[in-house]
Amino acid sequence: ESPHVYRRLPEVLKAQGKTVEVLHTLRPLIVVM
């Protein structure tokens, strides 16, 4: 589940074009899995 195994979210969002709009960007402080 390391970040290395995922795409980068901004690039994926950009590929969706203007079909969605970002209201808030959330920076992770704590992640529990």
PDB file of all heavy atoms in Angstrom:
ATOM      1  N   GLU A   1       0.824  -1.204   0.000  1.00  0.00           N
ATOM      2  CA  GLU A   1       0.000   0.000   0.000  1.00  0.00           C
ATOM      3  C   GLU A   1       0.863   1.260   0.000  1.00  0.00           C
ATOM      4  O   GLU A   1       0.357   2.363   0.197  1.00  0.00           O
ATOM      5  CB  GLU A   1      -0.925   0.006   1.214  1.00  0.00           C
ATOM      6  CG  GLU A   1      -2.093  -0.952   1.085  1.00  0.00           C
ATOM      7  CD  GLU A   1      -2.975  -0.636  -0.116  1.00  0.00           C
ATOM      8  OE1 GLU A   1      -3.182   0.551  -0.418  1.00  0.00           O
ATOM      9  OE2 GLU A   1      -3.452  -1.587  -0.767  1.00  0.00           O
ATOM     10  N   SER A   2       2.157   1.108  -0.226  1.00  0.00           N
ATOM     11  CA  SER A   2       3.064   2.247  -0.297  1.00  0.00           C
ATOM     12  C   SER A   2       2.624   3.219  -1.399  1.00  0.00           C
ATOM     13  O   SER A   2       2.028   2.813  -2.395  1.00  0.00           O
ATOM     14  CB  SER A   2       4.485   1.753  -0.593  1.00  0.00           C
ATOM     15  OG  SER A   2       5.347   2.835  -0.885  1.00  0.00           O
ATOM     16  N   PRO A   3       2.907   4.506  -1.246  1.00  0.00           N
ATOM     17  CA  PRO A   3       2.581   5.460  -2.317  1.00  0.00           C
ATOM     18  C   PRO A   3       3.181   5.077  -3.667  1.00  0.00           C
ATOM     19  O   PRO A   3       2.653   5.470  -4.714  1.00  0.00           O
ATOM     20  CB  PRO A   3       3.182   6.776  -1.802  1.00  0.00           C
ATOM     21  CG  PRO A   3       3.216   6.623  -0.321  1.00  0.00           C
ATOM     22  CD  PRO A   3       3.489   5.178  -0.064  1.00  0.00           C
ATOM     23  N   HIS A   4       4.245   4.299  -3.644  1.00  0.00           N
ATOM     24  CA  HIS A   4       4.910   3.915  -4.897  1.00  0.00           C
ATOM     25  C   HIS A   4       4.022   3.039  -5.790  1.00  0.00           C
ATOM     26  O   HIS A   4       4.275   2.937  -6.994  1.00  0.00           O
ATOM     27  CB  HIS A   4       6.207   3.163  -4.592  1.00  0.00           C
ATOM     28  CG  HIS A   4       7.195   3.953  -3.792  1.00  0.00           C
ATOM     29  ND1 HIS A   4       7.124   4.046  -2.412  1.00  0.00           N
ATOM     30  CD2 HIS A   4       8.278   4.687  -4.172  1.00  0.00           C
ATOM     31  CE1 HIS A   4       8.118   4.806  -1.972  1.00  0.00           C
ATOM     32  NE2 HIS A   4       8.834   5.201  -3.006  1.00  0.00           N
ATOM     33  N   VAL A   5       3.022   2.386  -5.227  1.00  0.00           N
ATOM     34  CA  VAL A   5       2.217   1.459  -6.035  1.00  0.00           C
ATOM     35  C   VAL A   5       1.007   2.149  -6.659  1.00  0.00           C
ATOM     36  O   VAL A   5       0.216   1.503  -7.343  1.00  0.00           O
ATOM     37  CB  VAL A   5       1.755   0.234  -5.213  1.00  0.00           C
ATOM     38  CG1 VAL A   5       2.924  -0.399  -4.494  1.00  0.00           C
ATOM     39  CG2 VAL A   5       0.642   0.584  -4.243  1.00  0.00           C
ATOM     40  N   TYR A   6       0.879   3.466  -6.443  1.00  0.00           N
ATOM     41  CA  TYR A   6      -0.268   4.211  -6.948  1.00  0.00           C
ATOM     42  C   TYR A   6       0.154   5.303  -7.928  1.00  0.00           C
ATOM     43  O   TYR A   6       1.265   5.811  -7.877  1.00  0.00           O
ATOM     44  CB  TYR A   6      -1.047   4.850  -5.790  1.00  0.00           C
ATOM     45  CG  TYR A   6      -1.841   3.854  -4.992  1.00  0.00           C
ATOM     46  CD1 TYR A   6      -1.297   3.261  -3.856  1.00  0.00           C
ATOM     47  CD2 TYR A   6      -3.119   3.477  -5.380  1.00  0.00           C
ATOM     48  CE1 TYR A   6      -2.021   2.333  -3.118  1.00  0.00           C
ATOM     49  CE2 TYR A   6      -3.849   2.549  -4.651  1.00  0.00           C
ATOM     50  CZ  TYR A   6      -3.296   1.972  -3.528  1.00  0.00           C
ATOM     51  OH  TYR A   6      -4.005   1.044  -2.817  1.00  0.00           O
ATOM     52  N   ARG A   7      -0.779   5.686  -8.784  1.00  0.00           N
ATOM     53  CA  ARG A   7      -0.611   6.875  -9.607  1.00  0.00           C
ATOM     54  C   ARG A   7      -0.644   8.101  -8.691  1.00  0.00           C
ATOM     55  O   ARG A   7      -1.035   8.038  -7.539  1.00  0.00           O
ATOM     56  CB  ARG A   7      -1.742   6.994 -10.641  1.00  0.00           C
ATOM     57  CG  ARG A   7      -1.824   5.883 -11.673  1.00  0.00           C
ATOM     58  CD  ARG A   7      -3.009   6.167 -12.597  1.00  0.00           C
ATOM     59  NE  ARG A   7      -3.124   5.231 -13.697  1.00  0.00           N
ATOM     60  CZ  ARG A   7      -3.926   4.158 -13.702  1.00  0.00           C
ATOM     61  NH1 ARG A   7      -4.674   3.899 -12.639  1.00  0.00           N
ATOM     62  NH2 ARG A   7      -3.992   3.362 -14.747  1.00  0.00           N
ATOM     63  N   ARG A   8      -0.278   9.231  -9.234  1.00  0.00           N
ATOM     64  CA  ARG A   8      -0.394  10.490  -8.493  1.00  0.00           C
ATOM     65  C   ARG A   8      -1.780  11.080  -8.758  1.00  0.00           C
ATOM     66  O   ARG A   8      -2.217  11.223  -9.902  1.00  0.00           O
ATOM     67  CB  ARG A   8       0.692  11.475  -8.909  1.00  0.00           C
ATOM     68  CG  ARG A   8       2.114  10.926  -8.778  1.00  0.00           C
ATOM     69  CD  ARG A   8       2.634  10.954  -7.353  1.00  0.00           C
ATOM     70  NE  ARG A   8       1.980  10.067  -6.411  1.00  0.00           N
ATOM     71  CZ  ARG A   8       2.262   8.747  -6.278  1.00  0.00           C
ATOM     72  NH1 ARG A   8       3.183   8.175  -7.026  1.00  0.00           N
ATOM     73  NH2 ARG A   8       1.644   8.022  -5.374  1.00  0.00           N
ATOM     74  N   LEU A   9      -2.477  11.409  -7.701  1.00  0.00           N
ATOM     75  CA  LEU A   9      -3.864  11.846  -7.803  1.00  0.00           C
ATOM     76  C   LEU A   9      -4.052  13.097  -8.671  1.00  0.00           C
ATOM     77  O   LEU A   9      -5.011  13.152  -9.458  1.00  0.00           O
ATOM     78  CB  LEU A   9      -4.442  12.073  -6.401  1.00  0.00           C
ATOM     79  CG  LEU A   9      -5.931  12.387  -6.348  1.00  0.00           C
ATOM     80  CD1 LEU A   9      -6.763  11.265  -6.948  1.00  0.00           C
ATOM     81  CD2 LEU A   9      -6.364  12.657  -4.906  1.00  0.00           C
ATOM     82  N   PRO A  10      -3.192  14.125  -8.597  1.00  0.00           N
ATOM     83  CA  PRO A  10      -3.404  15.293  -9.465  1.00  0.00           C
ATOM     84  C   PRO A  10      -3.413  14.949 -10.954  1.00  0.00           C
ATOM     85  O   PRO A  10      -4.197  15.520 -11.723  1.00  0.00           O
ATOM     86  CB  PRO A  10      -2.229  16.216  -9.113  1.00  0.00           C
ATOM     87  CG  PRO A  10      -1.880  15.843  -7.712  1.00  0.00           C
ATOM     88  CD  PRO A  10      -2.081  14.358  -7.642  1.00  0.00           C
ATOM     89  N   GLU A  11      -2.574  13.992 -11.361  1.00  0.00           N
ATOM     90  CA  GLU A  11      -2.542  13.597 -12.764  1.00  0.00           C
ATOM     91  C   GLU A  11      -3.825  12.879 -13.163  1.00  0.00           C
ATOM     92  O   GLU A  11      -4.357  13.081 -14.262  1.00  0.00           O
ATOM     93  CB  GLU A  11      -1.330  12.696 -13.024  1.00  0.00           C
ATOM     94  CG  GLU A  11       0.013  13.383 -12.838  1.00  0.00           C
ATOM     95  CD  GLU A  11       1.178  12.427 -13.024  1.00  0.00           C
ATOM     96  OE1 GLU A  11       0.949  11.289 -13.486  1.00  0.00           O
ATOM     97  OE2 GLU A  11       2.315  12.820 -12.704  1.00  0.00           O
ATOM     98  N   VAL A  12      -4.318  12.036 -12.257  1.00  0.00           N
ATOM     99  CA  VAL A  12      -5.548  11.299 -12.541  1.00  0.00           C
ATOM    100  C   VAL A  12      -6.733  12.258 -12.611  1.00  0.00           C
ATOM    101  O   VAL A  12      -7.593  12.153 -13.493  1.00  0.00           O
ATOM    102  CB  VAL A  12      -5.771  10.216 -11.461  1.00  0.00           C
ATOM    103  CG1 VAL A  12      -7.096   9.506 -11.674  1.00  0.00           C
ATOM    104  CG2 VAL A  12      -4.636   9.205 -11.481  1.00  0.00           C
ATOM    105  N   LEU A  13      -6.770  13.220 -11.694  1.00  0.00           N
ATOM    106  CA  LEU A  13      -7.841  14.216 -11.726  1.00  0.00           C
ATOM    107  C   LEU A  13      -7.796  15.041 -13.006  1.00  0.00           C
ATOM    108  O   LEU A  13      -8.831  15.333 -13.617  1.00  0.00           O
ATOM    109  CB  LEU A  13      -7.716  15.148 -10.515  1.00  0.00           C
ATOM    110  CG  LEU A  13      -8.236  14.611  -9.189  1.00  0.00           C
ATOM    111  CD1 LEU A  13      -7.768  15.499  -8.040  1.00  0.00           C
ATOM    112  CD2 LEU A  13      -9.755  14.517  -9.203  1.00  0.00           C
ATOM    113  N   LYS A  14      -6.589  15.397 -13.422  1.00  0.00           N
ATOM    114  CA  LYS A  14      -6.444  16.184 -14.648  1.00  0.00           C
ATOM    115  C   LYS A  14      -6.968  15.422 -15.856  1.00  0.00           C
ATOM    116  O   LYS A  14      -7.569  15.997 -16.763  1.00  0.00           O
ATOM    117  CB  LYS A  14      -4.975  16.565 -14.854  1.00  0.00           C
ATOM    118  CG  LYS A  14      -4.748  17.562 -15.985  1.00  0.00           C
ATOM    119  CD  LYS A  14      -3.297  18.011 -16.039  1.00  0.00           C
ATOM    120  CE  LYS A  14      -3.084  19.027 -17.152  1.00  0.00           C
ATOM    121  NZ  LYS A  14      -1.658  19.450 -17.223  1.00  0.00           N
ATOM    122  N   ALA A  15      -6.776  14.102 -15.843  1.00  0.00           N
ATOM    123  CA  ALA A  15      -7.240  13.275 -16.953  1.00  0.00           C
ATOM    124  C   ALA A  15      -8.761  13.193 -17.022  1.00  0.00           C
ATOM    125  O   ALA A  15      -9.314  12.812 -18.060  1.00  0.00           O
ATOM    126  CB  ALA A  15      -6.642  11.874 -16.856  1.00  0.00           C
ATOM    127  N   GLN A  16      -9.446  13.519 -15.925  1.00  0.00           N
ATOM    128  CA  GLN A  16     -10.917  13.551 -15.951  1.00  0.00           C
ATOM    129  C   GLN A  16     -11.442  14.858 -16.548  1.00  0.00           C
ATOM    130  O   GLN A  16     -12.652  15.036 -16.685  1.00  0.00           O
ATOM    131  CB  GLN A  16     -11.470  13.374 -14.542  1.00  0.00           C
ATOM    132  CG  GLN A  16     -11.236  12.002 -13.933  1.00  0.00           C
ATOM    133  CD  GLN A  16     -12.021  10.881 -14.602  1.00  0.00           C
ATOM    134  OE1 GLN A  16     -11.480   9.817 -14.878  1.00  0.00           O
ATOM    135  NE2 GLN A  16     -13.287  11.122 -14.879  1.00  0.00           N
ATOM    136  N   GLY A  17     -10.521  15.757 -16.899  1.00  0.00           N
ATOM    137  CA  GLY A  17     -10.925  17.017 -17.504  1.00  0.00           C
ATOM    138  C   GLY A  17     -11.722  17.878 -16.548  1.00  0.00           C
ATOM    139  O   GLY A  17     -11.531  17.837 -15.331  1.00  0.00           O
ATOM    140  N   LYS A  18     -12.649  18.634 -17.098  1.00  0.00           N
ATOM    141  CA  LYS A  18     -13.449  19.547 -16.289  1.00  0.00           C
ATOM    142  C   LYS A  18     -14.754  18.924 -15.816  1.00  0.00           C
ATOM    143  O   LYS A  18     -15.662  19.624 -15.364  1.00  0.00           O
ATOM    144  CB  LYS A  18     -13.750  20.817 -17.095  1.00  0.00           C
ATOM    145  CG  LYS A  18     -12.512  21.611 -17.488  1.00  0.00           C
ATOM    146  CD  LYS A  18     -12.884  22.819 -18.332  1.00  0.00           C
ATOM    147  CE  LYS A  18     -11.656  23.604 -18.762  1.00  0.00           C
ATOM    148  NZ  LYS A  18     -12.026  24.766 -19.625  1.00  0.00           N
ATOM    149  N   THR A  19     -14.836  17.595 -15.900  1.00  0.00           N
ATOM    150  CA  THR A  19     -16.074  16.930 -15.486  1.00  0.00           C
ATOM    151  C   THR A  19     -16.310  17.036 -13.990  1.00  0.00           C
ATOM    152  O   THR A  19     -17.444  16.916 -13.517  1.00  0.00           O
ATOM    153  CB  THR A  19     -16.066  15.438 -15.884  1.00  0.00           C
ATOM    154  OG1 THR A  19     -14.952  14.799 -15.251  1.00  0.00           O
ATOM    155  CG2 THR A  19     -15.944  15.281 -17.392  1.00  0.00           C
ATOM    156  N   VAL A  20     -15.223  17.236 -13.226  1.00  0.00           N
ATOM    157  CA  VAL A  20     -15.338  17.439 -11.779  1.00  0.00           C
ATOM    158  C   VAL A  20     -14.526  18.663 -11.390  1.00  0.00           C
ATOM    159  O   VAL A  20     -13.601  19.078 -12.098  1.00  0.00           O
ATOM    160  CB  VAL A  20     -14.837  16.212 -10.981  1.00  0.00           C
ATOM    161  CG1 VAL A  20     -15.787  15.046 -11.138  1.00  0.00           C
ATOM    162  CG2 VAL A  20     -13.424  15.822 -11.372  1.00  0.00           C
ATOM    163  N   GLU A  21     -14.886  19.231 -10.255  1.00  0.00           N
ATOM    164  CA  GLU A  21     -14.134  20.367  -9.726  1.00  0.00           C
ATOM    165  C   GLU A  21     -13.751  20.087  -8.283  1.00  0.00           C
ATOM    166  O   GLU A  21     -14.554  19.555  -7.515  1.00  0.00           O
ATOM    167  CB  GLU A  21     -14.937  21.669  -9.857  1.00  0.00           C
ATOM    168  CG  GLU A  21     -16.380  21.574  -9.443  1.00  0.00           C
ATOM    169  CD  GLU A  21     -17.228  22.727  -9.974  1.00  0.00           C
ATOM    170  OE1 GLU A  21     -16.736  23.499 -10.822  1.00  0.00           O
ATOM    171  OE2 GLU A  21     -18.392  22.839  -9.544  1.00  0.00           O
ATOM    172  N   VAL A  22     -12.514  20.406  -7.948  1.00  0.00           N
ATOM    173  CA  VAL A  22     -12.001  20.162  -6.604  1.00  0.00           C
ATOM    174  C   VAL A  22     -12.439  21.293  -5.689  1.00  0.00           C
ATOM    175  O   VAL A  22     -12.192  22.466  -5.964  1.00  0.00           O
ATOM    176  CB  VAL A  22     -10.469  20.034  -6.615  1.00  0.00           C
ATOM    177  CG1 VAL A  22      -9.928  19.928  -5.185  1.00  0.00           C
ATOM    178  CG2 VAL A  22     -10.043  18.816  -7.429  1.00  0.00           C
ATOM    179  N   LEU A  23     -13.087  20.918  -4.583  1.00  0.00           N
ATOM    180  CA  LEU A  23     -13.546  21.894  -3.603  1.00  0.00           C
ATOM    181  C   LEU A  23     -12.520  22.096  -2.493  1.00  0.00           C
ATOM    182  O   LEU A  23     -12.331  23.212  -2.012  1.00  0.00           O
ATOM    183  CB  LEU A  23     -14.875  21.432  -2.986  1.00  0.00           C
ATOM    184  CG  LEU A  23     -16.029  21.200  -3.967  1.00  0.00           C
ATOM    185  CD1 LEU A  23     -17.242  20.668  -3.230  1.00  0.00           C
ATOM    186  CD2 LEU A  23     -16.362  22.478  -4.725  1.00  0.00           C
ATOM    187  N   HIS A  24     -11.878  20.992  -2.075  1.00  0.00           N
ATOM    188  CA  HIS A  24     -10.874  21.067  -1.009  1.00  0.00           C
ATOM    189  C   HIS A  24      -9.776  20.054  -1.280  1.00  0.00           C
ATOM    190  O   HIS A  24     -10.050  18.937  -1.727  1.00  0.00           O
ATOM    191  CB  HIS A  24     -11.483  20.769   0.364  1.00  0.00           C
ATOM    192  CG  HIS A  24     -12.584  21.698   0.758  1.00  0.00           C
ATOM    193  ND1 HIS A  24     -12.367  23.030   1.052  1.00  0.00           N
ATOM    194  CD2 HIS A  24     -13.926  21.490   0.901  1.00  0.00           C
ATOM    195  CE1 HIS A  24     -13.516  23.602   1.356  1.00  0.00           C
ATOM    196  NE2 HIS A  24     -14.472  22.700   1.269  1.00  0.00           N
ATOM    197  N   THR A  25      -8.549  20.433  -0.988  1.00  0.00           N
ATOM    198  CA  THR A  25      -7.412  19.515  -1.020  1.00  0.00           C
ATOM    199  C   THR A  25      -7.037  19.194   0.420  1.00  0.00           C
ATOM    200  O   THR A  25      -6.832  20.103   1.239  1.00  0.00           O
ATOM    201  CB  THR A  25      -6.219  20.142  -1.757  1.00  0.00           C
ATOM    202  OG1 THR A  25      -6.601  20.412  -3.107  1.00  0.00           O
ATOM    203  CG2 THR A  25      -5.019  19.194  -1.760  1.00  0.00           C
ATOM    204  N   LEU A  26      -6.968  17.896   0.727  1.00  0.00           N
ATOM    205  CA  LEU A  26      -6.770  17.446   2.095  1.00  0.00           C
ATOM    206  C   LEU A  26      -5.402  16.789   2.253  1.00  0.00           C
ATOM    207  O   LEU A  26      -5.104  15.797   1.590  1.00  0.00           O
ATOM    208  CB  LEU A  26      -7.860  16.436   2.482  1.00  0.00           C
ATOM    209  CG  LEU A  26      -9.311  16.836   2.195  1.00  0.00           C
ATOM    210  CD1 LEU A  26     -10.254  15.742   2.657  1.00  0.00           C
ATOM    211  CD2 LEU A  26      -9.661  18.154   2.867  1.00  0.00           C
ATOM    212  N   ARG A  27      -4.582  17.336   3.143  1.00  0.00           N
ATOM    213  CA  ARG A  27      -3.246  16.784   3.398  1.00  0.00           C
ATOM    214  C   ARG A  27      -3.327  15.771   4.525  1.00  0.00           C
ATOM    215  O   ARG A  27      -3.823  16.085   5.612  1.00  0.00           O
ATOM    216  CB  ARG A  27      -2.281  17.918   3.762  1.00  0.00           C
ATOM    217  CG  ARG A  27      -0.873  17.453   4.101  1.00  0.00           C
ATOM    218  CD  ARG A  27       0.069  18.631   4.213  1.00  0.00           C
ATOM    219  NE  ARG A  27      -0.236  19.505   5.328  1.00  0.00           N
ATOM    220  CZ  ARG A  27       0.232  19.353   6.571  1.00  0.00           C
ATOM    221  NH1 ARG A  27       1.023  18.318   6.861  1.00  0.00           N
ATOM    222  NH2 ARG A  27      -0.079  20.216   7.520  1.00  0.00           N
ATOM    223  N   PRO A  28      -2.824  14.543   4.319  1.00  0.00           N
ATOM    224  CA  PRO A  28      -2.911  13.547   5.387  1.00  0.00           C
ATOM    225  C   PRO A  28      -1.964  13.863   6.539  1.00  0.00           C
ATOM    226  O   PRO A  28      -0.796  14.180   6.334  1.00  0.00           O
ATOM    227  CB  PRO A  28      -2.521  12.238   4.690  1.00  0.00           C
ATOM    228  CG  PRO A  28      -1.668  12.671   3.531  1.00  0.00           C
ATOM    229  CD  PRO A  28      -2.215  14.005   3.098  1.00  0.00           C
ATOM    230  N   LEU A  29      -2.494  13.751   7.743  1.00  0.00           N
ATOM    231  CA  LEU A  29      -1.701  13.924   8.959  1.00  0.00           C
ATOM    232  C   LEU A  29      -1.457  12.569   9.616  1.00  0.00           C
ATOM    233  O   LEU A  29      -0.344  12.259  10.019  1.00  0.00           O
ATOM    234  CB  LEU A  29      -2.448  14.832   9.943  1.00  0.00           C
ATOM    235  CG  LEU A  29      -2.952  16.171   9.413  1.00  0.00           C
ATOM    236  CD1 LEU A  29      -3.858  16.827  10.443  1.00  0.00           C
ATOM    237  CD2 LEU A  29      -1.778  17.072   9.052  1.00  0.00           C
ATOM    238  N   ILE A  30      -2.526  11.776   9.727  1.00  0.00           N
ATOM    239  CA  ILE A  30      -2.479  10.434  10.315  1.00  0.00           C
ATOM    240  C   ILE A  30      -3.133   9.471   9.354  1.00  0.00           C
ATOM    241  O   ILE A  30      -4.208   9.753   8.813  1.00  0.00           O
ATOM    242  CB  ILE A  30      -3.242  10.388  11.661  1.00  0.00           C
ATOM    243  CG1 ILE A  30      -2.594  11.314  12.698  1.00  0.00           C
ATOM    244  CG2 ILE A  30      -3.335   8.965  12.191  1.00  0.00           C
ATOM    245  CD1 ILE A  30      -3.443  11.495  13.952  1.00  0.00           C
ATOM    246  N   VAL A  31      -2.499   8.330   9.108  1.00  0.00           N
ATOM    247  CA  VAL A  31      -3.084   7.246   8.311  1.00  0.00           C
ATOM    248  C   VAL A  31      -3.010   5.977   9.153  1.00  0.00           C
ATOM    249  O   VAL A  31      -1.932   5.605   9.624  1.00  0.00           O
ATOM    250  CB  VAL A  31      -2.339   7.044   6.982  1.00  0.00           C
ATOM    251  CG1 VAL A  31      -2.903   5.840   6.227  1.00  0.00           C
ATOM    252  CG2 VAL A  31      -2.434   8.295   6.112  1.00  0.00           C
ATOM    253  N   VAL A  32      -4.154   5.326   9.363  1.00  0.00           N
ATOM    254  CA  VAL A  32      -4.196   4.084  10.123  1.00  0.00           C
ATOM    255  C   VAL A  32      -4.797   3.003   9.243  1.00  0.00           C
ATOM    256  O   VAL A  32      -5.876   3.177   8.661  1.00  0.00           O
ATOM    257  CB  VAL A  32      -5.020   4.224  11.419  1.00  0.00           C
ATOM    258  CG1 VAL A  32      -4.899   2.960  12.261  1.00  0.00           C
ATOM    259  CG2 VAL A  32      -4.561   5.448  12.219  1.00  0.00           C
ATOM    260  N   MET A  33      -4.074   1.876   9.127  1.00  0.00           N
ATOM    261  CA  MET A  33      -4.494   0.760   8.288  1.00  0.00           C
ATOM    262  C   MET A  33      -4.219  -0.542   9.049  1.00  0.00           C
ATOM    263  O   MET A  33      -3.571  -0.532  10.096  1.00  0.00           O
ATOM    264  CB  MET A  33      -3.730   0.758   6.955  1.00  0.00           C
ATOM    265  CG  MET A  33      -3.778   2.067   6.197  1.00  0.00           C
ATOM    266  SD  MET A  33      -2.825   2.055   4.657  1.00  0.00           S
ATOM    267  CE  MET A  33      -3.933   1.138   3.592  1.00  0.00           C
TER     268      MET A  33
END
